[in-house]
Amino acid sequence: MQRQLLSAAARAARAPAVRSTVQRRFASTTENAFIKEREAAKHHAEGTTALWRKISIYACIPALGLAAANAYVLWNEHWEHWSHLPPLEERVEYSYQNIRTKNYQWGNGDKTVFWNDNVNYHNPDKA
């Protein structure tokens, strides 16, 4: 029992004293230049964010709509022009077009990956 009391006393002597209040060294309520600067930056960021949101909604979205309409018109003009050309079979096939050194691994071996039957034509007997 005496030994237990001595060990408890030694533990109590080693334990740090418990403080009733915690010191708050870095938390202050006084205004300083740093806090004012942070508030000014926050206020500026709110205004800038609102500006770019308005630019995105009222300028970029209509511009994308106009660009899409322009692309649609150009697409239709392109295919209108294409319809006046002679059929693919009657067009001249030059020796530098559709050069094949070996067959491709897909399809019949003659068509490339991006082959479009409406636009591309290759007659192996002509070249």
Protein backbone atom coordinates (compact mmCIF):
# COMPACT_ATOMS: atom_id res chain seq x y z
CA MET A 1 0.00 0.00 0.00
CA GLN A 2 2.80 2.33 0.84
CA ARG A 3 4.42 1.55 -2.47
CA GLN A 4 1.19 2.43 -4.32
CA LEU A 5 0.97 5.77 -2.54
CA LEU A 6 4.57 6.60 -3.44
CA SER A 7 4.05 5.73 -7.10
CA ALA A 8 0.83 7.78 -7.21
CA ALA A 9 2.64 10.73 -5.64
CA ALA A 10 5.45 10.42 -8.18
CA ARG A 11 2.93 10.34 -11.04
CA ALA A 12 1.18 13.40 -9.68
CA ALA A 13 4.49 15.24 -9.44
CA ARG A 14 5.31 14.43 -13.07
CA ALA A 15 1.86 15.38 -14.44
CA PRO A 16 1.59 18.92 -15.78
CA ALA A 17 -0.62 21.33 -13.95
CA VAL A 18 -4.12 21.60 -15.37
CA ARG A 19 -5.00 25.14 -16.31
CA SER A 20 -8.49 26.34 -15.76
CA THR A 21 -8.40 28.82 -18.65
CA VAL A 22 -6.83 28.42 -22.05
CA GLN A 23 -4.75 31.30 -23.31
CA ARG A 24 -5.67 32.50 -26.80
CA ARG A 25 -2.54 34.22 -27.98
CA PHE A 26 -3.30 34.43 -31.73
CA ALA A 27 -7.02 35.19 -31.68
CA SER A 28 -7.66 38.89 -31.41
CA THR A 29 -10.69 40.98 -32.19
CA THR A 30 -8.85 44.17 -32.99
CA GLU A 31 -8.85 45.42 -36.58
CA ASN A 32 -5.53 45.37 -38.34
CA ALA A 33 -4.26 45.92 -41.88
CA PHE A 34 -4.17 42.21 -42.71
CA ILE A 35 -7.83 41.66 -41.84
CA LYS A 36 -8.85 44.78 -43.78
CA GLU A 37 -6.88 43.61 -46.82
CA ARG A 38 -8.49 40.15 -46.68
CA GLU A 39 -11.96 41.69 -46.48
CA ALA A 40 -11.18 43.97 -49.43
CA ALA A 41 -9.95 40.99 -51.48
CA LYS A 42 -13.11 39.04 -50.59
CA HIS A 43 -15.33 41.95 -51.62
CA HIS A 44 -13.40 42.37 -54.89
CA ALA A 45 -13.68 38.64 -55.61
CA GLU A 46 -17.46 38.76 -55.17
CA GLY A 47 -17.73 41.61 -57.69
CA THR A 48 -15.39 39.96 -60.18
CA THR A 49 -17.23 36.64 -59.91
CA ALA A 50 -20.54 38.36 -60.60
CA LEU A 51 -19.04 40.13 -63.63
CA TRP A 52 -17.70 36.94 -65.20
CA ARG A 53 -20.94 35.08 -64.47
CA LYS A 54 -22.84 37.77 -66.39
CA ILE A 55 -20.31 37.69 -69.24
CA SER A 56 -20.63 33.90 -69.44
CA ILE A 57 -24.42 33.94 -69.48
CA TYR A 58 -25.13 37.00 -71.61
CA ALA A 59 -22.17 36.90 -74.04
CA CYS A 60 -20.70 33.39 -74.32
CA ILE A 61 -23.94 31.42 -74.59
CA PRO A 62 -25.39 33.63 -77.38
CA ALA A 63 -22.01 33.54 -79.16
CA LEU A 64 -22.08 29.74 -79.03
CA GLY A 65 -25.60 29.80 -80.47
CA LEU A 66 -24.50 32.06 -83.33
CA ALA A 67 -21.48 29.86 -84.01
CA ALA A 68 -23.71 26.77 -84.09
CA ALA A 69 -26.11 28.46 -86.54
CA ASN A 70 -23.16 29.47 -88.74
CA ALA A 71 -21.79 25.91 -88.69
CA TYR A 72 -25.22 24.56 -89.67
CA VAL A 73 -25.45 26.96 -92.64
CA LEU A 74 -21.92 26.10 -93.80
CA TRP A 75 -22.65 22.37 -93.46
CA ASN A 76 -25.71 22.67 -95.69
CA GLU A 77 -23.83 24.82 -98.24
CA HIS A 78 -21.05 22.23 -98.37
CA TRP A 79 -23.40 19.36 -99.14
CA GLU A 80 -25.31 21.49 -101.65
CA HIS A 81 -22.02 22.10 -103.48
CA TRP A 82 -21.11 18.41 -103.18
CA SER A 83 -24.36 17.41 -104.88
CA HIS A 84 -23.29 19.25 -108.07
CA LEU A 85 -20.05 17.26 -108.44
CA PRO A 86 -19.92 14.20 -110.69
CA PRO A 87 -20.48 10.77 -109.10
CA LEU A 88 -17.56 9.26 -107.21
CA GLU A 89 -17.01 6.55 -109.82
CA GLU A 90 -16.49 9.12 -112.59
CA ARG A 91 -13.92 11.24 -110.78
CA VAL A 92 -10.25 11.07 -111.69
CA GLU A 93 -8.22 8.95 -109.32
CA TYR A 94 -4.60 10.06 -109.28
CA SER A 95 -1.66 7.77 -108.68
CA TYR A 96 -0.80 9.44 -105.36
CA GLN A 97 -4.27 8.82 -103.91
CA ASN A 98 -5.18 5.70 -101.94
CA ILE A 99 -1.69 4.22 -101.92
CA ARG A 100 -1.77 0.78 -100.27
CA THR A 101 1.41 -1.14 -99.46
CA LYS A 102 -0.46 -3.81 -97.53
CA ASN A 103 -4.04 -4.51 -96.51
CA TYR A 104 -5.54 -3.07 -93.35
CA GLN A 105 -6.50 -5.46 -90.56
CA TRP A 106 -10.21 -4.53 -90.67
CA GLY A 107 -12.98 -4.78 -93.23
CA ASN A 108 -11.96 -5.78 -96.73
CA GLY A 109 -8.43 -4.42 -96.14
CA ASP A 110 -8.87 -1.49 -98.54
CA LYS A 111 -10.64 1.08 -96.36
CA THR A 112 -8.88 3.29 -93.82
CA VAL A 113 -10.16 3.85 -90.29
CA PHE A 114 -11.87 7.12 -91.26
CA TRP A 115 -13.31 5.85 -94.54
CA ASN A 116 -16.66 7.36 -95.55
CA ASP A 117 -18.45 5.67 -98.43
CA ASN A 118 -20.33 8.89 -99.26
CA VAL A 119 -17.10 10.82 -99.83
CA ASN A 120 -14.24 8.37 -100.40
CA TYR A 121 -13.87 6.11 -103.39
CA HIS A 122 -11.12 3.74 -104.37
CA ASN A 123 -11.04 1.51 -107.41
CA PRO A 124 -7.90 -0.64 -107.19
CA ASP A 125 -8.07 -1.36 -110.94
CA LYS A 126 -7.81 2.33 -111.89
CA ALA A 127 -4.67 3.23 -109.99
